Amino acid sequence: MTGLQLLHQLRMRGTLTAAAEALRMSRSAASHRLASLERRTGVPLTERVGRGIRLTEAGVALADHAARVLTELERGEGVLERWRGELTGTLTVTAVQTIAINVMPGVLTVLRERHPGLRVECHTRDTEAAVRAVSAGDADVAVVPSYRATPLRIPPGVRSRRLGHDPLRVVLPKGHRLAEVAAVRLADLAAEPWITGEPDGQFGRLVPSLCRRHGFTPDVRHRSSDHLVIGALVSAGQGVALIPASARSADWHPVVVRPIAGERTGRDVLALTRDGSRGRPTVDAVLGALEEAGLPAPESTEETTVARLRPRTFHRGTGRVRRLHRVLRGPARPSASPIRRPLHRHRKPRLHVLGLRQPRRDARAHHRAGPARRAPARLPARPRHPHREPAALTGSARRGDTAMPGRW
């Protein structure tokens, strides 16, 4: 059975090293297992290409059968879960960041209350990596978006379930010429600089596709896969952007958010599972919690903010760093209970800094003495030769200099 699993992982991941890591075995052990499987079948299943290997046609055919066998094994595990009654074990859920922030905390809380014996682990990945994780068996459930303008490619052996719809919104900087418009036409933003995702990602291909449908090619100036970065750049006046409605939060920098006029596009939020997971009680519990949680409703307010970028670790030793920290932190908020600091009394000049010795006096006797009897500390007499500086103030005395009287 391990040989079939290794053959399936080699088909999914492409390299023997990645397949061995997925099965938690060394590369040499995986190579020996493949050689043993080839001896049993009597047919070469792999061939060497450069420093790596790839499956032959016979290996690809056997890997397809191995995938079906592993699917049936997973269904058998679901039958055993139903016989146990109580949900136990470990289940892995992977989700993209914008969905995980709004959905996964509530889902994990519900699952912990309903099924305390079930261990649910959550990981964040980008969309393509999450799809690969479910297909290869690294995750049991993936929560990913699928934009209607650029639909998600779902590999064979993976099922999808729609959890909800997330509409797109236009994000403008405050004071923009279209800030007062109820709904913004994309054609009116043809001359604007744009901020979008990476070109090889699903979100990065969305903006050019929509803009071309409205008759222009966008001038993409900045790219980022993080919606917080996109919102911060828009707030700074670096361009306009499109973001999903659920990607916003209540702690954002000032921006203006408007719906798209004449466009009902957005993204569908999907839950992906393998074919063999159908009917598993643990997977059904996670899918039920996801459907109950749903997506946060789009905000009706037209103005919102993009999350403040607070410095993680800053050493505030210099004035430049302190000024930068104040810029990133924003205006200071008045404290509800201001701290009253004691006022320091004026200190007398420290004569020892100048090389002088301050005379010691009894504090009580000095306090009892009146103002007229308090004599200030006497300074030594001025040197006879003003053009010569005392050695104690200028460093070591040069040859021929004469030390001045007094304590220096």
Protein backbone atom coordinates (compact mmCIF):
# COMPACT_ATOMS: atom_id res chain seq x y z
CA MET A 1 0.00 0.00 0.00
CA THR A 2 2.88 2.39 0.72
CA GLY A 3 4.14 1.88 -2.83
CA LEU A 4 0.78 2.95 -4.25
CA GLN A 5 0.72 5.98 -1.96
CA LEU A 6 4.22 6.90 -3.08
CA LEU A 7 3.23 6.52 -6.72
CA HIS A 8 0.20 8.75 -6.16
CA GLN A 9 2.26 11.42 -4.39
CA LEU A 10 4.86 11.33 -7.17
CA ARG A 11 2.08 11.94 -9.68
CA MET A 12 0.68 14.83 -7.63
CA ARG A 13 3.92 16.58 -6.62
CA GLY A 14 6.24 15.84 -9.52
CA THR A 15 9.45 15.08 -7.59
CA LEU A 16 10.51 12.10 -5.51
CA THR A 17 11.82 14.36 -2.74
CA ALA A 18 8.45 16.10 -2.32
CA ALA A 19 6.62 12.78 -2.44
CA ALA A 20 8.91 11.32 0.24
CA GLU A 21 8.43 14.37 2.48
CA ALA A 22 4.65 14.05 2.16
CA LEU A 23 4.83 10.45 3.39
CA ARG A 24 7.42 11.34 6.08
CA MET A 25 10.13 9.07 4.73
CA SER A 26 13.64 9.63 3.42
CA ARG A 27 14.39 9.92 -0.28
CA SER A 28 16.48 6.75 -0.27
CA ALA A 29 13.67 4.78 1.39
CA ALA A 30 11.21 6.10 -1.21
CA SER A 31 13.58 5.10 -4.02
CA HIS A 32 13.87 1.55 -2.62
CA ARG A 33 10.08 1.32 -2.29
CA LEU A 34 9.58 2.33 -5.92
CA ALA A 35 12.20 -0.21 -7.03
CA SER A 36 10.39 -2.92 -5.04
CA LEU A 37 7.08 -1.98 -6.68
CA GLU A 38 8.67 -2.17 -10.14
CA ARG A 39 10.03 -5.65 -9.39
CA ARG A 40 6.60 -6.82 -8.28
CA THR A 41 4.84 -5.45 -11.35
CA GLY A 42 7.59 -6.39 -13.80
CA VAL A 43 7.08 -3.09 -15.66
CA PRO A 44 9.24 0.07 -15.43
CA LEU A 45 7.16 2.68 -13.65
CA THR A 46 9.67 5.55 -13.59
CA GLU A 47 12.40 6.86 -15.86
CA ARG A 48 15.32 9.13 -15.12
CA VAL A 49 15.24 12.70 -16.46
CA GLY A 50 18.36 14.70 -15.61
CA ARG A 51 18.83 14.43 -11.86
CA GLY A 52 15.21 13.53 -11.20
CA ILE A 53 12.68 10.92 -12.27
CA ARG A 54 9.24 10.95 -13.82
CA LEU A 55 6.48 8.41 -14.30
CA THR A 56 6.27 6.35 -17.44
CA GLU A 57 2.96 5.71 -19.17
CA ALA A 58 2.57 2.52 -17.16
CA GLY A 59 3.38 4.47 -13.99
CA VAL A 60 0.74 7.10 -14.80
CA ALA A 61 -1.88 4.41 -15.40
CA LEU A 62 -1.05 2.68 -12.12
CA ALA A 63 -1.06 6.04 -10.29
CA ASP A 64 -4.62 6.65 -11.50
CA HIS A 65 -5.69 3.27 -10.09
CA ALA A 66 -3.81 4.09 -6.87
CA ALA A 67 -5.80 7.32 -6.53
CA ARG A 68 -9.08 5.39 -6.77
CA VAL A 69 -7.85 2.85 -4.22
CA LEU A 70 -6.87 5.60 -1.79
CA THR A 71 -10.28 7.22 -2.27
CA GLU A 72 -12.00 4.00 -1.27
CA LEU A 73 -9.74 3.69 1.76
CA GLU A 74 -10.71 7.19 2.86
CA ARG A 75 -14.37 6.30 2.50
CA GLY A 76 -13.74 3.27 4.67
CA GLU A 77 -12.31 5.57 7.34
CA GLY A 78 -15.56 7.54 7.19
CA VAL A 79 -17.53 4.35 7.85
CA LEU A 80 -15.41 3.66 10.93
CA GLU A 81 -15.97 7.24 12.15
CA ARG A 82 -19.74 6.71 12.00
CA TRP A 83 -19.40 3.53 14.04
CA ARG A 84 -17.39 5.29 16.74
CA GLY A 85 -20.13 7.82 17.36
CA GLU A 86 -18.02 10.53 19.03
CA LEU A 87 -15.90 12.61 16.68
CA THR A 88 -12.20 12.25 17.43
CA GLY A 89 -8.93 12.53 15.56
CA THR A 90 -7.26 15.40 13.71
CA LEU A 91 -8.62 17.39 10.80
CA THR A 92 -6.71 20.04 8.85
CA VAL A 93 -8.44 23.11 7.37
CA THR A 94 -6.60 25.53 5.08
CA ALA A 95 -7.97 28.91 4.00
CA VAL A 96 -6.86 32.11 2.31
CA GLN A 97 -6.05 34.99 4.61
CA THR A 98 -8.98 37.30 3.85
CA ILE A 99 -11.50 34.52 4.48
CA ALA A 100 -9.68 33.03 7.47
CA ILE A 101 -9.72 36.37 9.32
CA ASN A 102 -13.50 36.75 9.14
CA VAL A 103 -14.73 33.13 9.17
CA MET A 104 -12.33 30.72 10.86
CA PRO A 105 -12.32 32.11 14.46
CA GLY A 106 -16.06 31.53 14.82
CA VAL A 107 -15.92 28.14 13.07
CA LEU A 108 -13.14 26.86 15.33
CA THR A 109 -15.00 28.06 18.43
CA VAL A 110 -18.19 26.25 17.41
CA LEU A 111 -16.32 23.03 16.64
CA ARG A 112 -14.50 23.09 19.97
CA GLU A 113 -17.78 23.48 21.85
CA ARG A 114 -19.67 20.81 19.90
CA HIS A 115 -16.90 18.24 19.44
CA PRO A 116 -14.25 18.62 22.17
CA GLY A 117 -12.55 15.36 21.12
CA LEU A 118 -11.93 16.59 17.57
CA ARG A 119 -8.65 18.38 16.96
CA VAL A 120 -8.99 20.92 14.13
CA GLU A 121 -5.83 22.56 12.80
CA CYS A 122 -6.03 25.71 10.67
CA HIS A 123 -3.40 26.88 8.16
CA THR A 124 -3.40 29.88 5.81
CA ARG A 125 -2.23 29.49 2.20
CA ASP A 126 -2.84 31.26 -1.07
CA THR A 127 -5.56 29.91 -3.35
CA GLU A 128 -3.43 27.73 -5.60
CA ALA A 129 -1.47 26.24 -2.68
CA ALA A 130 -4.70 25.47 -0.80
CA VAL A 131 -6.12 23.60 -3.80
CA ARG A 132 -2.92 21.58 -4.13
CA ALA A 133 -2.94 20.80 -0.40
CA VAL A 134 -6.42 19.26 -0.56
CA SER A 135 -5.69 17.33 -3.74
CA ALA A 136 -2.43 15.92 -2.35
CA GLY A 137 -3.88 15.05 1.05
CA ASP A 138 -2.05 17.73 3.07
CA ALA A 139 -5.39 19.27 4.10
CA ASP A 140 -8.88 17.83 4.51
CA VAL A 141 -10.86 21.03 3.79
CA ALA A 142 -9.85 24.16 1.88
CA VAL A 143 -11.79 27.44 1.97
CA VAL A 144 -10.87 29.41 -1.15
CA PRO A 145 -12.37 32.12 -3.40
CA SER A 146 -13.36 31.68 -7.02
CA TYR A 147 -13.84 34.93 -8.96
CA ARG A 148 -16.56 34.81 -11.58
CA ALA A 149 -14.44 36.71 -14.07
CA THR A 150 -11.53 34.27 -13.60
CA PRO A 151 -13.00 31.00 -12.28
CA LEU A 152 -10.91 28.65 -10.14
CA ARG A 153 -9.61 25.48 -11.79
CA ILE A 154 -10.59 22.53 -9.60
CA PRO A 155 -8.51 19.38 -10.19
CA PRO A 156 -10.10 15.96 -10.65
CA GLY A 157 -10.86 14.08 -7.46
CA VAL A 158 -11.80 17.30 -5.58
CA ARG A 159 -15.35 18.41 -4.80
CA SER A 160 -16.51 21.97 -4.14
CA ARG A 161 -19.37 23.37 -2.06
CA ARG A 162 -20.45 27.00 -2.34
CA LEU A 163 -20.56 28.81 1.02
CA GLY A 164 -21.55 32.30 -0.12
CA HIS A 165 -20.95 35.25 -2.46
CA ASP A 166 -18.61 38.14 -1.78
CA PRO A 167 -19.18 41.21 -4.05
CA LEU A 168 -16.36 43.43 -5.26
CA ARG A 169 -16.04 47.10 -4.30
CA VAL A 170 -14.10 50.03 -5.75
CA VAL A 171 -11.67 51.61 -3.27
CA LEU A 172 -10.82 55.30 -3.76
CA PRO A 173 -8.67 57.70 -1.72
CA LYS A 174 -10.48 60.39 0.25
CA GLY A 175 -11.01 63.55 -1.78
CA HIS A 176 -11.16 61.67 -5.08
CA ARG A 177 -13.23 63.27 -7.83
CA LEU A 178 -15.65 60.28 -7.76
CA ALA A 179 -15.88 60.05 -3.99
CA GLU A 180 -19.42 61.48 -3.92
CA VAL A 181 -20.79 59.18 -6.63
CA ALA A 182 -23.19 56.49 -5.38
CA ALA A 183 -21.80 53.80 -7.75
CA VAL A 184 -18.58 54.11 -9.77
CA ARG A 185 -18.31 53.09 -13.43
CA LEU A 186 -15.06 51.32 -14.20
CA ALA A 187 -14.76 53.25 -17.48
CA ASP A 188 -14.45 56.47 -15.45
CA LEU A 189 -11.28 55.06 -13.85
CA ALA A 190 -9.47 54.42 -17.14
CA ALA A 191 -6.94 57.23 -16.57
CA GLU A 192 -6.23 56.27 -12.95
CA PRO A 193 -3.23 54.28 -11.71
CA TRP A 194 -4.30 50.85 -10.42
CA ILE A 195 -3.23 48.64 -7.54
CA THR A 196 -3.90 44.93 -7.89
CA GLY A 197 -2.60 41.46 -7.06
CA GLU A 198 0.29 39.48 -8.47
CA PRO A 199 -0.04 38.68 -12.19
CA ASP A 200 0.21 34.91 -11.70
CA GLY A 201 -2.58 34.85 -9.11
CA GLN A 202 -6.32 34.65 -9.53
CA PHE A 203 -6.91 38.15 -8.09
CA GLY A 204 -4.13 39.64 -10.23
CA ARG A 205 -5.81 38.41 -13.42
CA LEU A 206 -9.19 39.77 -12.33
CA VAL A 207 -8.62 43.52 -12.72
CA PRO A 208 -7.24 43.43 -16.32
CA SER A 209 -10.09 41.11 -17.33
CA LEU A 210 -12.78 43.41 -15.92
CA CYS A 211 -11.19 46.57 -17.30
CA ARG A 212 -10.87 45.13 -20.79
CA ARG A 213 -14.52 44.23 -20.64
CA HIS A 214 -15.26 47.91 -19.98
CA GLY A 215 -13.13 49.14 -22.87
CA PHE A 216 -9.68 49.99 -21.48
CA THR A 217 -6.43 48.46 -20.27
CA PRO A 218 -5.56 49.45 -16.68
CA ASP A 219 -2.30 51.19 -15.81
CA VAL A 220 -1.14 48.85 -13.03
CA ARG A 221 1.44 50.67 -10.89
CA HIS A 222 1.60 48.51 -7.75
CA ARG A 223 0.96 44.84 -7.01
CA SER A 224 0.42 43.01 -3.73
CA SER A 225 -1.33 39.83 -2.63
CA ASP A 226 -2.23 41.43 0.72
CA HIS A 227 -5.43 43.46 0.80
CA LEU A 228 -4.16 45.47 3.77
CA VAL A 229 -1.20 46.68 1.69
CA ILE A 230 -3.51 47.51 -1.22
CA GLY A 231 -5.79 49.53 1.05
CA ALA A 232 -2.87 51.40 2.60
CA LEU A 233 -1.56 52.36 -0.84
CA VAL A 234 -5.00 53.61 -1.87
CA SER A 235 -5.25 55.63 1.34
CA ALA A 236 -1.91 57.26 0.47
CA GLY A 237 -3.28 58.34 -2.93
CA GLN A 238 -1.16 55.93 -4.97
CA GLY A 239 -4.06 54.65 -7.07
CA VAL A 240 -7.45 52.91 -7.05
CA ALA A 241 -8.23 49.24 -6.52
CA LEU A 242 -10.87 46.56 -6.28
CA ILE A 243 -11.26 44.50 -3.12
CA PRO A 244 -13.85 41.99 -1.88
CA ALA A 245 -16.42 43.43 0.50
CA SER A 246 -15.51 40.98 3.27
CA ALA A 247 -11.82 41.96 3.10
CA ARG A 248 -12.55 45.21 4.93
CA SER A 249 -12.34 45.62 8.70
CA ALA A 250 -13.35 48.29 11.19
CA ASP A 251 -9.77 49.48 11.83
CA TRP A 252 -8.75 50.82 8.42
CA HIS A 253 -7.09 54.00 7.20
CA PRO A 254 -9.52 56.51 5.63
CA VAL A 255 -10.64 55.47 2.15
CA VAL A 256 -13.88 55.67 0.18
CA VAL A 257 -15.59 52.42 -0.84
CA ARG A 258 -18.22 52.34 -3.58
CA PRO A 259 -20.08 49.58 -5.47
CA ILE A 260 -19.37 49.02 -9.16
CA ALA A 261 -22.06 50.49 -11.43
CA GLY A 262 -23.59 47.97 -13.83
CA GLU A 263 -21.42 45.12 -12.59
CA ARG A 264 -22.50 42.33 -10.23
CA THR A 265 -19.21 40.50 -10.26
CA GLY A 266 -17.52 39.21 -7.16
CA ARG A 267 -16.12 36.01 -5.77
CA ASP A 268 -17.78 32.81 -4.63
CA VAL A 269 -16.37 31.30 -1.45
CA LEU A 270 -15.94 27.54 -1.90
CA ALA A 271 -15.18 24.67 0.47
CA LEU A 272 -13.06 22.02 -1.26
CA THR A 273 -12.83 18.38 -0.16
CA ARG A 274 -11.63 15.16 -1.76
CA ASP A 275 -14.05 12.65 -3.25
CA GLY A 276 -13.13 10.12 -0.58
CA SER A 277 -14.13 12.57 2.18
CA ARG A 278 -17.77 12.53 1.15
CA GLY A 279 -19.85 11.27 4.06
CA ARG A 280 -17.06 11.46 6.68
CA PRO A 281 -18.64 12.75 9.93
CA THR A 282 -15.60 14.87 10.81
CA VAL A 283 -15.55 16.60 7.42
CA ASP A 284 -19.35 17.05 7.47
CA ALA A 285 -19.05 18.72 10.90
CA VAL A 286 -16.54 21.24 9.55
CA LEU A 287 -18.62 21.93 6.45
CA GLY A 288 -21.73 22.45 8.57
CA ALA A 289 -19.93 24.93 10.82
CA LEU A 290 -18.65 26.79 7.74
CA GLU A 291 -22.15 27.05 6.25
CA GLU A 292 -23.56 28.30 9.56
CA ALA A 293 -20.85 30.93 9.90
CA GLY A 294 -21.28 32.24 6.34
CA LEU A 295 -19.64 35.47 5.28
CA PRO A 296 -19.94 38.87 6.96
CA ALA A 297 -22.60 40.97 5.24
CA PRO A 298 -21.24 43.79 3.03
CA GLU A 299 -21.14 47.06 4.93
CA SER A 300 -23.72 49.66 3.93
CA THR A 301 -21.46 52.57 4.87
CA GLU A 302 -19.66 54.17 1.96
CA GLU A 303 -16.60 55.25 3.90
CA THR A 304 -14.32 52.94 5.80
CA THR A 305 -10.65 52.61 6.68
CA VAL A 306 -7.70 50.36 5.80
CA ALA A 307 -5.96 48.62 8.74
CA ARG A 308 -3.35 50.77 10.48
CA LEU A 309 0.20 49.60 9.98
CA ARG A 310 1.70 49.54 13.45
CA PRO A 311 5.42 48.85 13.87
CA ARG A 312 6.10 45.47 15.44
CA THR A 313 9.48 46.21 17.08
CA PHE A 314 11.05 49.65 17.14
CA HIS A 315 14.02 50.94 19.08
CA ARG A 316 13.14 54.53 19.83
CA GLY A 317 16.66 55.70 20.43
CA THR A 318 16.93 58.47 17.85
CA GLY A 319 14.66 61.33 16.98
CA ARG A 320 14.25 60.06 13.40
CA VAL A 321 12.90 56.71 14.63
CA ARG A 322 10.62 58.47 17.12
CA ARG A 323 9.22 60.68 14.36
CA LEU A 324 8.71 57.64 12.11
CA HIS A 325 6.96 55.83 14.93
CA ARG A 326 4.60 58.78 15.42
CA VAL A 327 3.82 58.90 11.69
CA LEU A 328 2.96 55.20 11.55
CA ARG A 329 1.08 55.28 14.83
CA GLY A 330 -1.10 58.26 13.90
CA PRO A 331 -2.30 61.08 16.18
CA ALA A 332 -1.96 60.47 19.87
CA ARG A 333 -5.14 59.74 21.76
CA PRO A 334 -5.84 61.64 24.99
CA SER A 335 -5.62 59.41 28.02
CA ALA A 336 -8.73 58.93 30.12
CA SER A 337 -6.74 59.21 33.37
CA PRO A 338 -3.67 61.40 32.79
CA ILE A 339 -0.65 60.54 34.90
CA ARG A 340 0.54 63.37 37.11
CA ARG A 341 4.29 63.44 37.28
CA PRO A 342 5.99 65.15 40.25
CA LEU A 343 7.76 68.40 39.45
CA HIS A 344 11.53 68.25 39.90
CA ARG A 345 13.13 71.06 41.85
CA HIS A 346 15.78 73.13 40.23
CA ARG A 347 19.11 71.54 40.75
CA LYS A 348 22.18 73.51 41.64
CA PRO A 349 25.03 73.55 39.15
CA ARG A 350 27.33 70.62 39.53
CA LEU A 351 30.75 72.12 40.11
CA HIS A 352 32.55 68.79 39.87
CA VAL A 353 31.74 68.72 36.17
CA LEU A 354 33.94 71.77 35.72
CA GLY A 355 36.73 70.17 37.75
CA LEU A 356 35.78 72.05 40.95
CA ARG A 357 35.15 70.53 44.32
CA GLN A 358 31.89 71.51 45.94
CA PRO A 359 32.32 72.03 49.70
CA ARG A 360 30.28 69.81 51.99
CA ARG A 361 28.04 71.51 54.49
CA ASP A 362 25.61 70.32 57.08
CA ALA A 363 22.14 70.44 55.54
CA ARG A 364 20.41 71.21 58.81
CA ALA A 365 22.80 74.01 59.73
CA HIS A 366 22.47 75.40 56.23
CA HIS A 367 18.67 75.32 56.54
CA ARG A 368 18.71 77.03 59.95
CA ALA A 369 20.91 79.79 58.65
CA GLY A 370 19.11 82.75 57.21
CA PRO A 371 19.37 83.89 53.62
CA ALA A 372 21.88 86.56 54.54
CA ARG A 373 24.20 84.05 56.26
CA ARG A 374 24.15 81.51 53.44
CA ALA A 375 27.34 82.16 51.53
CA PRO A 376 27.67 80.71 48.03
CA ALA A 377 30.44 78.31 47.23
CA ARG A 378 33.58 80.25 46.50
CA LEU A 379 35.31 79.78 43.24
CA PRO A 380 39.11 79.71 43.18
CA ALA A 381 40.99 82.83 42.27
CA ARG A 382 41.46 83.63 38.64
CA PRO A 383 44.84 82.57 37.23
CA ARG A 384 47.58 85.15 36.98
CA HIS A 385 48.07 84.47 33.31
CA PRO A 386 44.65 84.52 31.61
CA HIS A 387 46.08 83.39 28.28
CA ARG A 388 47.15 80.08 29.83
CA GLU A 389 44.48 77.50 30.67
CA PRO A 390 44.79 75.32 33.76
CA ALA A 391 46.12 71.84 33.12
CA ALA A 392 43.15 70.21 34.85
CA LEU A 393 40.78 71.73 32.26
CA THR A 394 42.84 71.28 29.11
CA GLY A 395 44.35 67.86 29.82
CA SER A 396 47.95 67.10 30.82
CA ALA A 397 50.16 70.19 31.34
CA ARG A 398 52.73 70.91 28.72
CA ARG A 399 56.37 71.31 29.57
CA GLY A 400 57.05 74.79 30.79
CA ASP A 401 53.50 75.53 31.99
CA THR A 402 53.03 76.47 35.62
CA ALA A 403 50.16 75.05 37.66
CA MET A 404 47.78 77.68 38.95
CA PRO A 405 46.90 77.94 42.63
CA GLY A 406 43.67 76.39 43.87
CA ARG A 407 42.11 72.96 43.54
CA TRP A 408 41.77 72.03 39.87
